[in-house]
């Protein structure tokens, strides 16, 4: 997911910034979502870190929803 996709999905850069405790313009400056923010974004917006940064986080079989 790109930072722009995240911002659009949750309702704006200021929403992301408030959830992370950063300046409201910070998310707009990201080229990629910083991995150290992924756990907080996951908790605040219920977006799995594997979706935020699939290049860094892999879904394990234990995390898969039951079929």
Protein backbone atom coordinates (compact mmCIF):
# COMPACT_ATOMS: atom_id res chain seq x y z
CA UNK A 1 0.00 0.00 0.00
CA UNK A 2 1.28 3.43 -0.82
CA UNK A 3 1.12 6.28 1.67
CA UNK A 4 -1.43 8.00 -0.62
CA UNK A 5 -3.65 4.88 -0.57
CA UNK A 6 -3.46 4.78 3.23
CA UNK A 7 -4.28 8.47 3.53
CA UNK A 8 -7.26 8.14 1.19
CA UNK A 9 -8.51 4.99 2.90
CA UNK A 10 -8.56 6.40 6.43
CA UNK A 11 -9.84 9.87 5.62
CA UNK A 12 -6.82 12.12 5.33
CA UNK A 13 -3.24 12.75 6.31
CA UNK A 14 -4.28 14.49 9.51
CA UNK A 15 -6.16 11.34 10.61
CA UNK A 16 -3.04 9.23 10.09
CA UNK A 17 -0.84 11.82 11.80
CA UNK A 18 -3.11 12.09 14.83
CA UNK A 19 -3.15 8.30 15.27
CA UNK A 20 0.65 8.22 15.14
CA UNK A 21 1.36 11.38 17.11
CA UNK A 22 3.29 13.03 14.30
CA UNK A 23 2.98 16.35 12.47
CA UNK A 24 -0.01 16.40 10.13
CA UNK A 25 2.18 16.79 7.05
CA UNK A 26 4.48 13.89 7.88
CA UNK A 27 2.43 11.12 6.17
CA UNK A 28 2.33 13.17 2.96
CA UNK A 29 6.14 13.20 2.85
CA UNK A 30 6.53 9.42 3.00
CA UNK A 31 7.67 7.58 -0.13
CA UNK A 32 6.77 4.30 1.62
CA UNK A 33 5.01 3.69 4.92
CA UNK A 34 7.76 3.49 7.56
CA UNK A 35 7.87 -0.02 9.03
CA UNK A 36 8.10 1.27 12.61
CA UNK A 37 4.66 2.88 12.15
CA UNK A 38 2.99 -0.28 10.79
CA UNK A 39 1.99 -1.76 14.18
CA UNK A 40 0.31 1.49 15.26
CA UNK A 41 -1.48 1.88 11.92
CA UNK A 42 -2.61 -1.73 12.17
CA UNK A 43 -4.07 -1.12 15.66
CA UNK A 44 -5.66 2.24 14.83
CA UNK A 45 -7.21 1.39 11.48
CA UNK A 46 -7.40 -2.42 11.43
CA UNK A 47 -5.24 -2.63 8.31
CA UNK A 48 -2.85 -5.60 8.51
CA UNK A 49 0.83 -4.72 8.38
CA UNK A 50 1.15 -7.32 5.61
CA UNK A 51 -1.13 -5.10 3.51
CA UNK A 52 0.71 -1.92 4.48
CA UNK A 53 4.17 -3.25 3.63
CA UNK A 54 3.98 -6.65 1.88
CA UNK A 55 7.65 -6.26 0.97
CA UNK A 56 8.56 -6.52 4.67
CA UNK A 57 5.77 -8.45 6.37
CA UNK A 58 4.48 -11.86 5.33
CA UNK A 59 1.18 -13.37 6.40
CA UNK A 60 1.90 -16.58 8.29
CA UNK A 61 -0.49 -19.57 8.27
CA UNK A 62 -1.33 -18.84 11.94
CA UNK A 63 -2.55 -15.37 10.89
CA UNK A 64 -4.76 -16.67 8.08
CA UNK A 65 -8.51 -16.48 8.65
CA UNK A 66 -10.26 -19.81 9.02
CA UNK A 67 -11.78 -21.06 5.76
